[in-house]
Amino acid sequence: MSQVLSLSGTFSLALIEQSSIVTALSISVIFFLVLLILGLRKSYLLRKESEKLSQSFSSDTDEETKVYKDFTESHLYDNN
């Protein structure tokens, strides 16, 4: 009978160890999933901001390529 008790104690000890391993692994998986989701969100926001900046940069370059118009021939400068 003493062998059965010690054998059953070993099984319960092994199950406790297995459940603690499963708990630690599940906590690790949840932690890394949260990091992955935060990284994907940050990547999306940076891509969106990059597109907005590239559009504003392209509109600035359009203004730079316009032909210069001389405004000094107006009535304020008395060139008449």
PDB file of N, CA and C in Angstrom:
ATOM      1  N   MET A   1       0.815  -1.181   0.000  1.00  0.00           N
ATOM      2  CA  MET A   1       0.000   0.000   0.000  1.00  0.00           C
ATOM      3  C   MET A   1       0.861   1.249   0.000  1.00  0.00           C
ATOM      4  N   SER A   2       2.004   1.179   0.653  1.00  0.00           N
ATOM      5  CA  SER A   2       2.883   2.350   0.705  1.00  0.00           C
ATOM      6  C   SER A   2       3.433   2.675  -0.681  1.00  0.00           C
ATOM      7  N   GLN A   3       3.624   1.663  -1.512  1.00  0.00           N
ATOM      8  CA  GLN A   3       4.089   1.912  -2.872  1.00  0.00           C
ATOM      9  C   GLN A   3       3.023   2.636  -3.686  1.00  0.00           C
ATOM     10  N   VAL A   4       1.765   2.317  -3.485  1.00  0.00           N
ATOM     11  CA  VAL A   4       0.677   2.967  -4.203  1.00  0.00           C
ATOM     12  C   VAL A   4       0.596   4.427  -3.813  1.00  0.00           C
ATOM     13  N   LEU A   5       0.739   4.724  -2.531  1.00  0.00           N
ATOM     14  CA  LEU A   5       0.685   6.114  -2.069  1.00  0.00           C
ATOM     15  C   LEU A   5       1.838   6.922  -2.643  1.00  0.00           C
ATOM     16  N   SER A   6       3.014   6.344  -2.606  1.00  0.00           N
ATOM     17  CA  SER A   6       4.158   7.087  -3.138  1.00  0.00           C
ATOM     18  C   SER A   6       4.046   7.223  -4.656  1.00  0.00           C
ATOM     19  N   LEU A   7       3.505   6.200  -5.307  1.00  0.00           N
ATOM     20  CA  LEU A   7       3.325   6.269  -6.748  1.00  0.00           C
ATOM     21  C   LEU A   7       2.276   7.318  -7.106  1.00  0.00           C
ATOM     22  N   SER A   8       1.184   7.377  -6.357  1.00  0.00           N
ATOM     23  CA  SER A   8       0.155   8.368  -6.625  1.00  0.00           C
ATOM     24  C   SER A   8       0.672   9.768  -6.290  1.00  0.00           C
ATOM     25  N   GLY A   9       1.515   9.911  -5.290  1.00  0.00           N
ATOM     26  CA  GLY A   9       2.126  11.197  -4.963  1.00  0.00           C
ATOM     27  C   GLY A   9       3.037  11.667  -6.081  1.00  0.00           C
ATOM     28  N   THR A  10       3.729  10.773  -6.743  1.00  0.00           N
ATOM     29  CA  THR A  10       4.603  11.115  -7.867  1.00  0.00           C
ATOM     30  C   THR A  10       3.781  11.618  -9.046  1.00  0.00           C
ATOM     31  N   PHE A  11       2.652  10.960  -9.299  1.00  0.00           N
ATOM     32  CA  PHE A  11       1.804  11.393 -10.407  1.00  0.00           C
ATOM     33  C   PHE A  11       1.230  12.786 -10.163  1.00  0.00           C
ATOM     34  N   SER A  12       0.782  13.028  -8.932  1.00  0.00           N
ATOM     35  CA  SER A  12       0.221  14.356  -8.643  1.00  0.00           C
ATOM     36  C   SER A  12       1.312  15.414  -8.711  1.00  0.00           C
ATOM     37  N   LEU A  13       2.521  15.078  -8.293  1.00  0.00           N
ATOM     38  CA  LEU A  13       3.638  16.010  -8.384  1.00  0.00           C
ATOM     39  C   LEU A  13       3.966  16.297  -9.846  1.00  0.00           C
ATOM     40  N   ALA A  14       3.918  15.266 -10.682  1.00  0.00           N
ATOM     41  CA  ALA A  14       4.195  15.447 -12.104  1.00  0.00           C
ATOM     42  C   ALA A  14       3.110  16.292 -12.754  1.00  0.00           C
ATOM     43  N   LEU A  15       1.847  16.133 -12.360  1.00  0.00           N
ATOM     44  CA  LEU A  15       0.771  16.938 -12.923  1.00  0.00           C
ATOM     45  C   LEU A  15       0.889  18.396 -12.497  1.00  0.00           C
ATOM     46  N   ILE A  16       1.300  18.635 -11.279  1.00  0.00           N
ATOM     47  CA  ILE A  16       1.482  20.018 -10.827  1.00  0.00           C
ATOM     48  C   ILE A  16       2.589  20.672 -11.634  1.00  0.00           C
ATOM     49  N   GLU A  17       3.663  19.965 -11.871  1.00  0.00           N
ATOM     50  CA  GLU A  17       4.758  20.512 -12.665  1.00  0.00           C
ATOM     51  C   GLU A  17       4.295  20.779 -14.097  1.00  0.00           C
ATOM     52  N   GLN A  18       3.533  19.875 -14.651  1.00  0.00           N
ATOM     53  CA  GLN A  18       3.061  20.053 -16.020  1.00  0.00           C
ATOM     54  C   GLN A  18       2.112  21.249 -16.109  1.00  0.00           C
ATOM     55  N   SER A  19       1.233  21.418 -15.154  1.00  0.00           N
ATOM     56  CA  SER A  19       0.303  22.540 -15.202  1.00  0.00           C
ATOM     57  C   SER A  19       1.034  23.863 -15.003  1.00  0.00           C
ATOM     58  N   SER A  20       2.082  23.866 -14.189  1.00  0.00           N
ATOM     59  CA  SER A  20       2.844  25.103 -14.021  1.00  0.00           C
ATOM     60  C   SER A  20       3.616  25.431 -15.294  1.00  0.00           C
ATOM     61  N   ILE A  21       4.088  24.424 -15.991  1.00  0.00           N
ATOM     62  CA  ILE A  21       4.765  24.650 -17.275  1.00  0.00           C
ATOM     63  C   ILE A  21       3.778  25.197 -18.296  1.00  0.00           C
ATOM     64  N   VAL A  22       2.595  24.628 -18.354  1.00  0.00           N
ATOM     65  CA  VAL A  22       1.559  25.107 -19.272  1.00  0.00           C
ATOM     66  C   VAL A  22       1.173  26.536 -18.935  1.00  0.00           C
ATOM     67  N   THR A  23       1.059  26.848 -17.654  1.00  0.00           N
ATOM     68  CA  THR A  23       0.726  28.205 -17.236  1.00  0.00           C
ATOM     69  C   THR A  23       1.823  29.181 -17.654  1.00  0.00           C
ATOM     70  N   ALA A  24       3.076  28.819 -17.431  1.00  0.00           N
ATOM     71  CA  ALA A  24       4.189  29.691 -17.811  1.00  0.00           C
ATOM     72  C   ALA A  24       4.237  29.884 -19.322  1.00  0.00           C
ATOM     73  N   LEU A  25       4.007  28.818 -20.068  1.00  0.00           N
ATOM     74  CA  LEU A  25       4.013  28.932 -21.526  1.00  0.00           C
ATOM     75  C   LEU A  25       2.853  29.782 -22.029  1.00  0.00           C
ATOM     76  N   SER A  26       1.689  29.636 -21.432  1.00  0.00           N
ATOM     77  CA  SER A  26       0.540  30.432 -21.872  1.00  0.00           C
ATOM     78  C   SER A  26       0.742  31.913 -21.534  1.00  0.00           C
ATOM     79  N   ILE A  27       1.346  32.212 -20.388  1.00  0.00           N
ATOM     80  CA  ILE A  27       1.655  33.601 -20.051  1.00  0.00           C
ATOM     81  C   ILE A  27       2.661  34.171 -21.054  1.00  0.00           C
ATOM     82  N   SER A  28       3.653  33.379 -21.422  1.00  0.00           N
ATOM     83  CA  SER A  28       4.647  33.826 -22.402  1.00  0.00           C
ATOM     84  C   SER A  28       4.009  34.076 -23.764  1.00  0.00           C
ATOM     85  N   VAL A  29       3.127  33.190 -24.190  1.00  0.00           N
ATOM     86  CA  VAL A  29       2.454  33.346 -25.481  1.00  0.00           C
ATOM     87  C   VAL A  29       1.589  34.602 -25.481  1.00  0.00           C
ATOM     88  N   ILE A  30       0.864  34.829 -24.402  1.00  0.00           N
ATOM     89  CA  ILE A  30       0.022  36.023 -24.310  1.00  0.00           C
ATOM     90  C   ILE A  30       0.881  37.276 -24.338  1.00  0.00           C
ATOM     91  N   PHE A  31       2.003  37.277 -23.619  1.00  0.00           N
ATOM     92  CA  PHE A  31       2.904  38.426 -23.595  1.00  0.00           C
ATOM     93  C   PHE A  31       3.427  38.742 -24.999  1.00  0.00           C
ATOM     94  N   PHE A  32       3.891  37.730 -25.717  1.00  0.00           N
ATOM     95  CA  PHE A  32       4.431  37.968 -27.050  1.00  0.00           C
ATOM     96  C   PHE A  32       3.341  38.319 -28.063  1.00  0.00           C
ATOM     97  N   LEU A  33       2.128  37.812 -27.876  1.00  0.00           N
ATOM     98  CA  LEU A  33       1.029  38.226 -28.743  1.00  0.00           C
ATOM     99  C   LEU A  33       0.697  39.699 -28.551  1.00  0.00           C
ATOM    100  N   VAL A  34       0.727  40.166 -27.304  1.00  0.00           N
ATOM    101  CA  VAL A  34       0.496  41.584 -27.032  1.00  0.00           C
ATOM    102  C   VAL A  34       1.588  42.421 -27.692  1.00  0.00           C
ATOM    103  N   LEU A  35       2.843  41.990 -27.573  1.00  0.00           N
ATOM    104  CA  LEU A  35       3.936  42.708 -28.232  1.00  0.00           C
ATOM    105  C   LEU A  35       3.767  42.717 -29.749  1.00  0.00           C
ATOM    106  N   LEU A  36       3.341  41.604 -30.314  1.00  0.00           N
ATOM    107  CA  LEU A  36       3.128  41.527 -31.757  1.00  0.00           C
ATOM    108  C   LEU A  36       2.012  42.460 -32.197  1.00  0.00           C
ATOM    109  N   ILE A  37       0.924  42.493 -31.468  1.00  0.00           N
ATOM    110  CA  ILE A  37      -0.198  43.373 -31.815  1.00  0.00           C
ATOM    111  C   ILE A  37       0.215  44.831 -31.701  1.00  0.00           C
ATOM    112  N   LEU A  38       0.949  45.189 -30.642  1.00  0.00           N
ATOM    113  CA  LEU A  38       1.416  46.565 -30.502  1.00  0.00           C
ATOM    114  C   LEU A  38       2.386  46.939 -31.618  1.00  0.00           C
ATOM    115  N   GLY A  39       3.239  46.010 -32.023  1.00  0.00           N
ATOM    116  CA  GLY A  39       4.173  46.265 -33.122  1.00  0.00           C
ATOM    117  C   GLY A  39       3.456  46.455 -34.445  1.00  0.00           C
ATOM    118  N   LEU A  40       2.443  45.641 -34.709  1.00  0.00           N
ATOM    119  CA  LEU A  40       1.672  45.781 -35.940  1.00  0.00           C
ATOM    120  C   LEU A  40       0.913  47.101 -35.971  1.00  0.00           C
ATOM    121  N   ARG A  41       0.378  47.505 -34.823  1.00  0.00           N
ATOM    122  CA  ARG A  41      -0.342  48.788 -34.732  1.00  0.00           C
ATOM    123  C   ARG A  41       0.612  49.944 -34.982  1.00  0.00           C
ATOM    124  N   LYS A  42       1.793  49.884 -34.383  1.00  0.00           N
ATOM    125  CA  LYS A  42       2.794  50.940 -34.573  1.00  0.00           C
ATOM    126  C   LYS A  42       3.237  50.995 -36.026  1.00  0.00           C
ATOM    127  N   SER A  43       3.423  49.858 -36.650  1.00  0.00           N
ATOM    128  CA  SER A  43       3.814  49.810 -38.060  1.00  0.00           C
ATOM    129  C   SER A  43       2.738  50.427 -38.940  1.00  0.00           C
ATOM    130  N   TYR A  44       1.484  50.128 -38.656  1.00  0.00           N
ATOM    131  CA  TYR A  44       0.375  50.695 -39.423  1.00  0.00           C
ATOM    132  C   TYR A  44       0.332  52.214 -39.275  1.00  0.00           C
ATOM    133  N   LEU A  45       0.491  52.698 -38.038  1.00  0.00           N
ATOM    134  CA  LEU A  45       0.452  54.146 -37.812  1.00  0.00           C
ATOM    135  C   LEU A  45       1.622  54.850 -38.484  1.00  0.00           C
ATOM    136  N   LEU A  46       2.811  54.240 -38.451  1.00  0.00           N
ATOM    137  CA  LEU A  46       3.971  54.843 -39.104  1.00  0.00           C
ATOM    138  C   LEU A  46       3.810  54.862 -40.623  1.00  0.00           C
ATOM    139  N   ARG A  47       3.239  53.803 -41.200  1.00  0.00           N
ATOM    140  CA  ARG A  47       3.013  53.759 -42.640  1.00  0.00           C
ATOM    141  C   ARG A  47       2.009  54.832 -43.045  1.00  0.00           C
ATOM    142  N   LYS A  48       0.965  55.007 -42.243  1.00  0.00           N
ATOM    143  CA  LYS A  48      -0.047  56.016 -42.521  1.00  0.00           C
ATOM    144  C   LYS A  48       0.555  57.425 -42.455  1.00  0.00           C
ATOM    145  N   GLU A  49       1.390  57.674 -41.449  1.00  0.00           N
ATOM    146  CA  GLU A  49       2.043  58.983 -41.319  1.00  0.00           C
ATOM    147  C   GLU A  49       3.030  59.205 -42.453  1.00  0.00           C
ATOM    148  N   SER A  50       3.724  58.167 -42.860  1.00  0.00           N
ATOM    149  CA  SER A  50       4.676  58.276 -43.961  1.00  0.00           C
ATOM    150  C   SER A  50       3.972  58.641 -45.261  1.00  0.00           C
ATOM    151  N   GLU A  51       2.819  58.027 -45.516  1.00  0.00           N
ATOM    152  CA  GLU A  51       2.061  58.355 -46.722  1.00  0.00           C
ATOM    153  C   GLU A  51       1.584  59.804 -46.690  1.00  0.00           C
ATOM    154  N   LYS A  52       1.151  60.261 -45.516  1.00  0.00           N
ATOM    155  CA  LYS A  52       0.691  61.635 -45.389  1.00  0.00           C
ATOM    156  C   LYS A  52       1.843  62.612 -45.617  1.00  0.00           C
ATOM    157  N   LEU A  53       3.017  62.296 -45.065  1.00  0.00           N
ATOM    158  CA  LEU A  53       4.172  63.165 -45.257  1.00  0.00           C
ATOM    159  C   LEU A  53       4.649  63.166 -46.704  1.00  0.00           C
ATOM    160  N   SER A  54       4.599  62.024 -47.355  1.00  0.00           N
ATOM    161  CA  SER A  54       5.033  61.981 -48.754  1.00  0.00           C
ATOM    162  C   SER A  54       4.072  62.757 -49.647  1.00  0.00           C
ATOM    163  N   GLN A  55       2.784  62.751 -49.321  1.00  0.00           N
ATOM    164  CA  GLN A  55       1.830  63.553 -50.091  1.00  0.00           C
ATOM    165  C   GLN A  55       2.070  65.037 -49.869  1.00  0.00           C
ATOM    166  N   SER A  56       2.352  65.439 -48.637  1.00  0.00           N
ATOM    167  CA  SER A  56       2.607  66.856 -48.382  1.00  0.00           C
ATOM    168  C   SER A  56       3.931  67.275 -49.004  1.00  0.00           C
ATOM    169  N   PHE A  57       4.911  66.376 -49.046  1.00  0.00           N
ATOM    170  CA  PHE A  57       6.186  66.686 -49.674  1.00  0.00           C
ATOM    171  C   PHE A  57       6.024  66.848 -51.176  1.00  0.00           C
ATOM    172  N   SER A  58       5.183  66.016 -51.790  1.00  0.00           N
ATOM    173  CA  SER A  58       4.976  66.124 -53.234  1.00  0.00           C
ATOM    174  C   SER A  58       4.251  67.414 -53.584  1.00  0.00           C
ATOM    175  N   SER A  59       3.371  67.900 -52.728  1.00  0.00           N
ATOM    176  CA  SER A  59       2.702  69.172 -52.996  1.00  0.00           C
ATOM    177  C   SER A  59       3.674  70.330 -52.835  1.00  0.00           C
ATOM    178  N   ASP A  60       4.651  70.212 -51.932  1.00  0.00           N
ATOM    179  CA  ASP A  60       5.672  71.240 -51.779  1.00  0.00           C
ATOM    180  C   ASP A  60       6.572  71.300 -53.009  1.00  0.00           C
ATOM    181  N   THR A  61       6.884  70.165 -53.582  1.00  0.00           N
ATOM    182  CA  THR A  61       7.752  70.167 -54.753  1.00  0.00           C
ATOM    183  C   THR A  61       7.024  70.736 -55.960  1.00  0.00           C
ATOM    184  N   ASP A  62       5.698  70.596 -56.012  1.00  0.00           N
ATOM    185  CA  ASP A  62       4.945  71.198 -57.105  1.00  0.00           C
ATOM    186  C   ASP A  62       5.048  72.714 -57.059  1.00  0.00           C
ATOM    187  N   GLU A  63       5.024  73.281 -55.869  1.00  0.00           N
ATOM    188  CA  GLU A  63       5.150  74.725 -55.737  1.00  0.00           C
ATOM    189  C   GLU A  63       6.547  75.191 -56.111  1.00  0.00           C
ATOM    190  N   GLU A  64       7.557  74.391 -55.852  1.00  0.00           N
ATOM    191  CA  GLU A  64       8.928  74.761 -56.175  1.00  0.00           C
ATOM    192  C   GLU A  64       9.187  74.726 -57.677  1.00  0.00           C
ATOM    193  N   THR A  65       8.474  73.915 -58.421  1.00  0.00           N
ATOM    194  CA  THR A  65       8.719  73.808 -59.855  1.00  0.00           C
ATOM    195  C   THR A  65       7.954  74.846 -60.664  1.00  0.00           C
ATOM    196  N   LYS A  66       7.102  75.626 -60.023  1.00  0.00           N
ATOM    197  CA  LYS A  66       6.365  76.657 -60.747  1.00  0.00           C
ATOM    198  C   LYS A  66       7.320  77.738 -61.220  1.00  0.00           C
ATOM    199  N   VAL A  67       6.972  78.372 -62.323  1.00  0.00           N
ATOM    200  CA  VAL A  67       7.791  79.432 -62.878  1.00  0.00           C
ATOM    201  C   VAL A  67       7.645  80.670 -61.999  1.00  0.00           C
ATOM    202  N   TYR A  68       8.763  81.333 -61.754  1.00  0.00           N
ATOM    203  CA  TYR A  68       8.752  82.519 -60.905  1.00  0.00           C
ATOM    204  C   TYR A  68       8.058  83.654 -61.626  1.00  0.00           C
ATOM    205  N   LYS A  69       7.182  84.317 -60.895  1.00  0.00           N
ATOM    206  CA  LYS A  69       6.471  85.460 -61.450  1.00  0.00           C
ATOM    207  C   LYS A  69       6.927  86.708 -60.705  1.00  0.00           C
ATOM    208  N   ASP A  70       7.356  87.705 -61.425  1.00  0.00           N
ATOM    209  CA  ASP A  70       7.871  88.928 -60.824  1.00  0.00           C
ATOM    210  C   ASP A  70       6.707  89.795 -60.361  1.00  0.00           C
ATOM    211  N   PHE A  71       6.644  90.037 -59.066  1.00  0.00           N
ATOM    212  CA  PHE A  71       5.574  90.837 -58.505  1.00  0.00           C
ATOM    213  C   PHE A  71       5.995  92.290 -58.255  1.00  0.00           C
ATOM    214  N   THR A  72       7.183  92.676 -58.677  1.00  0.00           N
ATOM    215  CA  THR A  72       7.664  94.033 -58.406  1.00  0.00           C
ATOM    216  C   THR A  72       7.075  95.059 -59.361  1.00  0.00           C
ATOM    217  N   GLU A  73       6.343  94.624 -60.339  1.00  0.00           N
ATOM    218  CA  GLU A  73       5.753  95.572 -61.288  1.00  0.00           C
ATOM    219  C   GLU A  73       4.334  95.947 -60.886  1.00  0.00           C
ATOM    220  N   SER A  74       4.041  95.980 -59.647  1.00  0.00           N
ATOM    221  CA  SER A  74       2.724  96.377 -59.193  1.00  0.00           C
ATOM    222  C   SER A  74       2.695  97.844 -58.810  1.00  0.00           C
ATOM    223  N   HIS A  75       1.551  98.343 -58.425  1.00  0.00           N
ATOM    224  CA  HIS A  75       1.407  99.765 -58.125  1.00  0.00           C
ATOM    225  C   HIS A  75       2.137 100.176 -56.852  1.00  0.00           C
ATOM    226  N   LEU A  76       2.528  99.180 -55.999  1.00  0.00           N
ATOM    227  CA  LEU A  76       3.234  99.509 -54.761  1.00  0.00           C
ATOM    228  C   LEU A  76       4.667  99.943 -54.996  1.00  0.00           C
ATOM    229  N   TYR A  77       5.240  99.535 -56.108  1.00  0.00           N
ATOM    230  CA  TYR A  77       6.661  99.810 -56.345  1.00  0.00           C
ATOM    231  C   TYR A  77       6.878 101.014 -57.254  1.00  0.00           C
ATOM    232  N   ASP A  78       5.858 101.617 -57.748  1.00  0.00           N
ATOM    233  CA  ASP A  78       5.934 102.808 -58.614  1.00  0.00           C
ATOM    234  C   ASP A  78       6.881 102.614 -59.800  1.00  0.00           C
ATOM    235  N   ASN A  79       6.710 101.535 -60.523  1.00  0.00           N
ATOM    236  CA  ASN A  79       7.515 101.274 -61.706  1.00  0.00           C
ATOM    237  C   ASN A  79       6.853 101.811 -62.961  1.00  0.00           C
ATOM    238  N   ASN A  80       5.804 102.522 -62.846  1.00  0.00           N
ATOM    239  CA  ASN A  80       5.081 103.011 -64.023  1.00  0.00           C
ATOM    240  C   ASN A  80       5.839 104.081 -64.702  1.00  0.00           C
TER     241      ASN A  80
END
